[in-house]
């Protein structure tokens, strides 16, 4: 099944990922947290429409940073 998610459906999946990231942040070893969230994001990614890829990746990056799994870089622009 290769149906692509609507933006609304994608936002719902991203909300679920954000909740899951909070759990991962509390239960997984520090060095593995971001990779674990990224792995869960990969499962969603196959259903993301091409026009939403940049949006999706930006949201995943923000979820990881907001969960405290990656420190913001000063040269990250």
PDB file of N, CA and C in Angstrom:
ATOM      1  N   UNK A   1       0.842  -1.185   0.000  1.00  0.00           N
ATOM      2  CA  UNK A   1       0.000   0.000   0.000  1.00  0.00           C
ATOM      3  C   UNK A   1       0.879   1.238   0.000  1.00  0.00           C
ATOM      4  N   UNK A   2       0.821   2.033  -1.056  1.00  0.00           N
ATOM      5  CA  UNK A   2       1.673   3.197  -1.202  1.00  0.00           C
ATOM      6  C   UNK A   2       0.905   4.504  -1.112  1.00  0.00           C
ATOM      7  N   UNK A   3      -0.221   4.513  -0.454  1.00  0.00           N
ATOM      8  CA  UNK A   3      -1.006   5.738  -0.323  1.00  0.00           C
ATOM      9  C   UNK A   3      -0.214   6.755   0.478  1.00  0.00           C
ATOM     10  N   UNK A   4      -0.247   7.981   0.024  1.00  0.00           N
ATOM     11  CA  UNK A   4       0.464   9.064   0.701  1.00  0.00           C
ATOM     12  C   UNK A   4      -0.461   9.739   1.696  1.00  0.00           C
ATOM     13  N   UNK A   5       0.136  10.218   2.771  1.00  0.00           N
ATOM     14  CA  UNK A   5      -0.630  10.896   3.817  1.00  0.00           C
ATOM     15  C   UNK A   5      -1.021  12.305   3.387  1.00  0.00           C
ATOM     16  N   UNK A   6      -2.197  12.720   3.781  1.00  0.00           N
ATOM     17  CA  UNK A   6      -2.553  14.129   3.618  1.00  0.00           C
ATOM     18  C   UNK A   6      -1.763  14.910   4.656  1.00  0.00           C
ATOM     19  N   UNK A   7      -1.712  16.218   4.539  1.00  0.00           N
ATOM     20  CA  UNK A   7      -0.984  17.028   5.514  1.00  0.00           C
ATOM     21  C   UNK A   7      -1.580  16.849   6.909  1.00  0.00           C
ATOM     22  N   UNK A   8      -2.897  16.763   6.986  1.00  0.00           N
ATOM     23  CA  UNK A   8      -3.562  16.562   8.278  1.00  0.00           C
ATOM     24  C   UNK A   8      -3.178  15.211   8.889  1.00  0.00           C
ATOM     25  N   UNK A   9      -3.168  14.178   8.081  1.00  0.00           N
ATOM     26  CA  UNK A   9      -2.769  12.855   8.562  1.00  0.00           C
ATOM     27  C   UNK A   9      -1.298  12.854   8.982  1.00  0.00           C
ATOM     28  N   UNK A  10      -0.480  13.556   8.198  1.00  0.00           N
ATOM     29  CA  UNK A  10       0.939  13.663   8.530  1.00  0.00           C
ATOM     30  C   UNK A  10       1.118  14.375   9.865  1.00  0.00           C
ATOM     31  N   UNK A  11       0.380  15.445  10.077  1.00  0.00           N
ATOM     32  CA  UNK A  11       0.463  16.158  11.348  1.00  0.00           C
ATOM     33  C   UNK A  11       0.066  15.261  12.517  1.00  0.00           C
ATOM     34  N   UNK A  12      -0.933  14.413  12.310  1.00  0.00           N
ATOM     35  CA  UNK A  12      -1.327  13.459  13.354  1.00  0.00           C
ATOM     36  C   UNK A  12      -0.184  12.495  13.659  1.00  0.00           C
ATOM     37  N   UNK A  13       0.479  11.987  12.619  1.00  0.00           N
ATOM     38  CA  UNK A  13       1.610  11.065  12.819  1.00  0.00           C
ATOM     39  C   UNK A  13       2.761  11.776  13.513  1.00  0.00           C
ATOM     40  N   UNK A  14       2.974  13.049  13.170  1.00  0.00           N
ATOM     41  CA  UNK A  14       4.044  13.808  13.814  1.00  0.00           C
ATOM     42  C   UNK A  14       3.726  14.069  15.288  1.00  0.00           C
ATOM     43  N   UNK A  15       2.465  14.291  15.610  1.00  0.00           N
ATOM     44  CA  UNK A  15       2.061  14.425  17.017  1.00  0.00           C
ATOM     45  C   UNK A  15       2.353  13.133  17.780  1.00  0.00           C
ATOM     46  N   UNK A  16       2.042  12.004  17.146  1.00  0.00           N
ATOM     47  CA  UNK A  16       2.342  10.705  17.760  1.00  0.00           C
ATOM     48  C   UNK A  16       3.849  10.533  17.956  1.00  0.00           C
ATOM     49  N   UNK A  17       4.623  10.946  16.949  1.00  0.00           N
ATOM     50  CA  UNK A  17       6.078  10.839  17.038  1.00  0.00           C
ATOM     51  C   UNK A  17       6.611  11.723  18.158  1.00  0.00           C
ATOM     52  N   UNK A  18       6.049  12.902  18.317  1.00  0.00           N
ATOM     53  CA  UNK A  18       6.476  13.803  19.387  1.00  0.00           C
ATOM     54  C   UNK A  18       6.216  13.175  20.756  1.00  0.00           C
ATOM     55  N   UNK A  19       5.065  12.551  20.922  1.00  0.00           N
ATOM     56  CA  UNK A  19       4.749  11.873  22.180  1.00  0.00           C
ATOM     57  C   UNK A  19       5.708  10.700  22.407  1.00  0.00           C
ATOM     58  N   UNK A  20       5.982   9.971  21.351  1.00  0.00           N
ATOM     59  CA  UNK A  20       6.911   8.837  21.449  1.00  0.00           C
ATOM     60  C   UNK A  20       8.316   9.323  21.785  1.00  0.00           C
ATOM     61  N   UNK A  21       8.726  10.463  21.228  1.00  0.00           N
ATOM     62  CA  UNK A  21      10.047  11.025  21.500  1.00  0.00           C
ATOM     63  C   UNK A  21      10.192  11.366  22.982  1.00  0.00           C
ATOM     64  N   UNK A  22       9.132  11.863  23.593  1.00  0.00           N
ATOM     65  CA  UNK A  22       9.172  12.179  25.026  1.00  0.00           C
ATOM     66  C   UNK A  22       9.407  10.911  25.845  1.00  0.00           C
ATOM     67  N   UNK A  23       8.789   9.819  25.435  1.00  0.00           N
ATOM     68  CA  UNK A  23       8.987   8.540  26.126  1.00  0.00           C
ATOM     69  C   UNK A  23      10.417   8.049  25.921  1.00  0.00           C
ATOM     70  N   UNK A  24      10.891   8.128  24.685  1.00  0.00           N
ATOM     71  CA  UNK A  24      12.250   7.695  24.367  1.00  0.00           C
ATOM     72  C   UNK A  24      13.264   8.508  25.154  1.00  0.00           C
ATOM     73  N   UNK A  25      13.032   9.813  25.286  1.00  0.00           N
ATOM     74  CA  UNK A  25      13.962  10.694  26.010  1.00  0.00           C
ATOM     75  C   UNK A  25      14.105  10.269  27.467  1.00  0.00           C
ATOM     76  N   UNK A  26      13.058   9.703  28.018  1.00  0.00           N
ATOM     77  CA  UNK A  26      13.088   9.289  29.420  1.00  0.00           C
ATOM     78  C   UNK A  26      13.583   7.857  29.612  1.00  0.00           C
ATOM     79  N   UNK A  27      13.453   7.023  28.588  1.00  0.00           N
ATOM     80  CA  UNK A  27      13.705   5.599  28.792  1.00  0.00           C
ATOM     81  C   UNK A  27      14.911   5.021  28.056  1.00  0.00           C
ATOM     82  N   UNK A  28      15.437   5.718  27.081  1.00  0.00           N
ATOM     83  CA  UNK A  28      16.546   5.182  26.286  1.00  0.00           C
ATOM     84  C   UNK A  28      17.863   5.849  26.668  1.00  0.00           C
ATOM     85  N   UNK A  29      18.974   5.149  26.457  1.00  0.00           N
ATOM     86  CA  UNK A  29      20.285   5.749  26.734  1.00  0.00           C
ATOM     87  C   UNK A  29      20.495   7.014  25.901  1.00  0.00           C
ATOM     88  N   UNK A  30      21.158   7.984  26.496  1.00  0.00           N
ATOM     89  CA  UNK A  30      21.317   9.297  25.870  1.00  0.00           C
ATOM     90  C   UNK A  30      21.862   9.254  24.444  1.00  0.00           C
ATOM     91  N   UNK A  31      22.860   8.461  24.183  1.00  0.00           N
ATOM     92  CA  UNK A  31      23.474   8.424  22.861  1.00  0.00           C
ATOM     93  C   UNK A  31      22.630   7.761  21.784  1.00  0.00           C
ATOM     94  N   UNK A  32      21.557   7.101  22.174  1.00  0.00           N
ATOM     95  CA  UNK A  32      20.738   6.358  21.218  1.00  0.00           C
ATOM     96  C   UNK A  32      19.385   7.002  20.940  1.00  0.00           C
ATOM     97  N   UNK A  33      19.038   8.016  21.687  1.00  0.00           N
ATOM     98  CA  UNK A  33      17.698   8.590  21.611  1.00  0.00           C
ATOM     99  C   UNK A  33      17.361   9.158  20.233  1.00  0.00           C
ATOM    100  N   UNK A  34      18.214  10.010  19.704  1.00  0.00           N
ATOM    101  CA  UNK A  34      17.933  10.646  18.411  1.00  0.00           C
ATOM    102  C   UNK A  34      17.833   9.599  17.305  1.00  0.00           C
ATOM    103  N   UNK A  35      18.713   8.594  17.352  1.00  0.00           N
ATOM    104  CA  UNK A  35      18.658   7.530  16.345  1.00  0.00           C
ATOM    105  C   UNK A  35      17.368   6.734  16.445  1.00  0.00           C
ATOM    106  N   UNK A  36      16.902   6.515  17.657  1.00  0.00           N
ATOM    107  CA  UNK A  36      15.662   5.764  17.849  1.00  0.00           C
ATOM    108  C   UNK A  36      14.469   6.530  17.278  1.00  0.00           C
ATOM    109  N   UNK A  37      14.425   7.835  17.532  1.00  0.00           N
ATOM    110  CA  UNK A  37      13.341   8.658  16.983  1.00  0.00           C
ATOM    111  C   UNK A  37      13.444   8.697  15.457  1.00  0.00           C
ATOM    112  N   UNK A  38      14.657   8.853  14.942  1.00  0.00           N
ATOM    113  CA  UNK A  38      14.844   8.872  13.486  1.00  0.00           C
ATOM    114  C   UNK A  38      14.385   7.559  12.861  1.00  0.00           C
ATOM    115  N   UNK A  39      14.635   6.452  13.537  1.00  0.00           N
ATOM    116  CA  UNK A  39      14.179   5.159  13.035  1.00  0.00           C
ATOM    117  C   UNK A  39      12.661   5.084  12.972  1.00  0.00           C
ATOM    118  N   UNK A  40      12.006   5.637  13.977  1.00  0.00           N
ATOM    119  CA  UNK A  40      10.544   5.657  13.960  1.00  0.00           C
ATOM    120  C   UNK A  40      10.030   6.602  12.876  1.00  0.00           C
ATOM    121  N   UNK A  41      10.760   7.684  12.631  1.00  0.00           N
ATOM    122  CA  UNK A  41      10.368   8.620  11.575  1.00  0.00           C
ATOM    123  C   UNK A  41      10.486   7.971  10.194  1.00  0.00           C
ATOM    124  N   UNK A  42      11.461   7.097  10.030  1.00  0.00           N
ATOM    125  CA  UNK A  42      11.630   6.413   8.741  1.00  0.00           C
ATOM    126  C   UNK A  42      10.409   5.583   8.373  1.00  0.00           C
ATOM    127  N   UNK A  43       9.761   5.027   9.372  1.00  0.00           N
ATOM    128  CA  UNK A  43       8.560   4.235   9.118  1.00  0.00           C
ATOM    129  C   UNK A  43       7.466   5.131   8.525  1.00  0.00           C
ATOM    130  N   UNK A  44       7.359   6.343   9.035  1.00  0.00           N
ATOM    131  CA  UNK A  44       6.359   7.311   8.545  1.00  0.00           C
ATOM    132  C   UNK A  44       6.755   7.847   7.178  1.00  0.00           C
ATOM    133  N   UNK A  45       8.052   8.060   6.985  1.00  0.00           N
ATOM    134  CA  UNK A  45       8.557   8.734   5.787  1.00  0.00           C
ATOM    135  C   UNK A  45       8.088   8.092   4.482  1.00  0.00           C
ATOM    136  N   UNK A  46       7.938   6.787   4.464  1.00  0.00           N
ATOM    137  CA  UNK A  46       7.530   6.115   3.227  1.00  0.00           C
ATOM    138  C   UNK A  46       6.126   6.520   2.775  1.00  0.00           C
ATOM    139  N   UNK A  47       5.358   7.107   3.682  1.00  0.00           N
ATOM    140  CA  UNK A  47       3.995   7.531   3.362  1.00  0.00           C
ATOM    141  C   UNK A  47       3.871   9.038   3.155  1.00  0.00           C
ATOM    142  N   UNK A  48       5.003   9.753   3.214  1.00  0.00           N
ATOM    143  CA  UNK A  48       4.993  11.201   3.058  1.00  0.00           C
ATOM    144  C   UNK A  48       5.018  11.549   1.571  1.00  0.00           C
ATOM    145  N   UNK A  49       4.112  12.408   1.170  1.00  0.00           N
ATOM    146  CA  UNK A  49       4.062  12.858  -0.227  1.00  0.00           C
ATOM    147  C   UNK A  49       5.320  13.685  -0.531  1.00  0.00           C
ATOM    148  N   UNK A  50       5.846  13.578  -1.737  1.00  0.00           N
ATOM    149  CA  UNK A  50       7.068  14.304  -2.083  1.00  0.00           C
ATOM    150  C   UNK A  50       7.004  15.804  -1.769  1.00  0.00           C
ATOM    151  N   UNK A  51       5.857  16.395  -1.967  1.00  0.00           N
ATOM    152  CA  UNK A  51       5.753  17.838  -1.699  1.00  0.00           C
ATOM    153  C   UNK A  51       5.803  18.166  -0.210  1.00  0.00           C
ATOM    154  N   UNK A  52       5.713  17.150   0.654  1.00  0.00           N
ATOM    155  CA  UNK A  52       5.772  17.367   2.107  1.00  0.00           C
ATOM    156  C   UNK A  52       7.089  16.906   2.738  1.00  0.00           C
ATOM    157  N   UNK A  53       8.042  16.450   1.937  1.00  0.00           N
ATOM    158  CA  UNK A  53       9.294  15.929   2.490  1.00  0.00           C
ATOM    159  C   UNK A  53      10.043  16.963   3.314  1.00  0.00           C
ATOM    160  N   UNK A  54      10.220  18.162   2.790  1.00  0.00           N
ATOM    161  CA  UNK A  54      10.961  19.196   3.532  1.00  0.00           C
ATOM    162  C   UNK A  54      10.235  19.535   4.837  1.00  0.00           C
ATOM    163  N   UNK A  55       8.923  19.647   4.766  1.00  0.00           N
ATOM    164  CA  UNK A  55       8.112  19.915   5.959  1.00  0.00           C
ATOM    165  C   UNK A  55       8.302  18.797   6.985  1.00  0.00           C
ATOM    166  N   UNK A  56       8.204  17.556   6.530  1.00  0.00           N
ATOM    167  CA  UNK A  56       8.345  16.399   7.404  1.00  0.00           C
ATOM    168  C   UNK A  56       9.706  16.374   8.089  1.00  0.00           C
ATOM    169  N   UNK A  57      10.758  16.533   7.309  1.00  0.00           N
ATOM    170  CA  UNK A  57      12.105  16.473   7.880  1.00  0.00           C
ATOM    171  C   UNK A  57      12.363  17.627   8.845  1.00  0.00           C
ATOM    172  N   UNK A  58      11.835  18.801   8.543  1.00  0.00           N
ATOM    173  CA  UNK A  58      11.955  19.929   9.466  1.00  0.00           C
ATOM    174  C   UNK A  58      11.246  19.659  10.780  1.00  0.00           C
ATOM    175  N   UNK A  59      10.079  19.050  10.710  1.00  0.00           N
ATOM    176  CA  UNK A  59       9.322  18.712  11.923  1.00  0.00           C
ATOM    177  C   UNK A  59      10.040  17.651  12.747  1.00  0.00           C
ATOM    178  N   UNK A  60      10.580  16.637  12.086  1.00  0.00           N
ATOM    179  CA  UNK A  60      11.304  15.583  12.800  1.00  0.00           C
ATOM    180  C   UNK A  60      12.527  16.177  13.489  1.00  0.00           C
ATOM    181  N   UNK A  61      13.248  17.034  12.797  1.00  0.00           N
ATOM    182  CA  UNK A  61      14.413  17.693  13.384  1.00  0.00           C
ATOM    183  C   UNK A  61      13.995  18.498  14.615  1.00  0.00           C
ATOM    184  N   UNK A  62      12.915  19.235  14.498  1.00  0.00           N
ATOM    185  CA  UNK A  62      12.431  20.053  15.618  1.00  0.00           C
ATOM    186  C   UNK A  62      12.007  19.172  16.800  1.00  0.00           C
ATOM    187  N   UNK A  63      11.344  18.066  16.521  1.00  0.00           N
ATOM    188  CA  UNK A  63      10.929  17.142  17.588  1.00  0.00           C
ATOM    189  C   UNK A  63      12.148  16.625  18.346  1.00  0.00           C
ATOM    190  N   UNK A  64      13.175  16.237  17.629  1.00  0.00           N
ATOM    191  CA  UNK A  64      14.395  15.718  18.248  1.00  0.00           C
ATOM    192  C   UNK A  64      15.060  16.797  19.096  1.00  0.00           C
ATOM    193  N   UNK A  65      15.149  18.003  18.562  1.00  0.00           N
ATOM    194  CA  UNK A  65      15.777  19.101  19.315  1.00  0.00           C
ATOM    195  C   UNK A  65      14.955  19.495  20.537  1.00  0.00           C
ATOM    196  N   UNK A  66      13.637  19.589  20.380  1.00  0.00           N
ATOM    197  CA  UNK A  66      12.789  19.986  21.504  1.00  0.00           C
ATOM    198  C   UNK A  66      12.789  18.948  22.619  1.00  0.00           C
ATOM    199  N   UNK A  67      13.021  17.693  22.273  1.00  0.00           N
ATOM    200  CA  UNK A  67      13.095  16.638  23.277  1.00  0.00           C
ATOM    201  C   UNK A  67      14.453  16.633  23.980  1.00  0.00           C
ATOM    202  N   UNK A  68      15.361  17.511  23.536  1.00  0.00           N
ATOM    203  CA  UNK A  68      16.663  17.630  24.175  1.00  0.00           C
ATOM    204  C   UNK A  68      17.646  16.555  23.773  1.00  0.00           C
ATOM    205  N   UNK A  69      17.419  15.933  22.639  1.00  0.00           N
ATOM    206  CA  UNK A  69      18.281  14.839  22.202  1.00  0.00           C
ATOM    207  C   UNK A  69      19.489  15.329  21.422  1.00  0.00           C
ATOM    208  N   UNK A  70      19.432  16.545  20.921  1.00  0.00           N
ATOM    209  CA  UNK A  70      20.525  17.141  20.157  1.00  0.00           C
ATOM    210  C   UNK A  70      20.655  18.577  20.606  1.00  0.00           C
ATOM    211  N   UNK A  71      21.883  18.974  20.911  1.00  0.00           N
ATOM    212  CA  UNK A  71      22.119  20.364  21.266  1.00  0.00           C
ATOM    213  C   UNK A  71      22.192  21.197  20.000  1.00  0.00           C
ATOM    214  N   UNK A  72      21.547  22.373  19.999  1.00  0.00           N
ATOM    215  CA  UNK A  72      21.631  23.244  18.819  1.00  0.00           C
ATOM    216  C   UNK A  72      23.065  23.648  18.546  1.00  0.00           C
ATOM    217  N   UNK A  73      23.485  23.578  17.289  1.00  0.00           N
ATOM    218  CA  UNK A  73      24.838  23.987  16.885  1.00  0.00           C
ATOM    219  C   UNK A  73      24.866  25.478  16.617  1.00  0.00           C
ATOM    220  N   UNK A  74      26.001  26.089  16.942  1.00  0.00           N
ATOM    221  CA  UNK A  74      26.126  27.510  16.638  1.00  0.00           C
ATOM    222  C   UNK A  74      26.303  27.730  15.138  1.00  0.00           C
ATOM    223  N   UNK A  75      26.908  26.755  14.416  1.00  0.00           N
ATOM    224  CA  UNK A  75      27.052  26.921  12.970  1.00  0.00           C
ATOM    225  C   UNK A  75      25.963  26.195  12.203  1.00  0.00           C
ATOM    226  N   UNK A  76      24.889  25.817  12.842  1.00  0.00           N
ATOM    227  CA  UNK A  76      23.781  25.137  12.186  1.00  0.00           C
ATOM    228  C   UNK A  76      22.835  26.169  11.580  1.00  0.00           C
ATOM    229  N   UNK A  77      23.075  26.466  10.313  1.00  0.00           N
ATOM    230  CA  UNK A  77      22.248  27.496   9.659  1.00  0.00           C
ATOM    231  C   UNK A  77      21.718  27.008   8.350  1.00  0.00           C
TER     232      UNK A  77
END
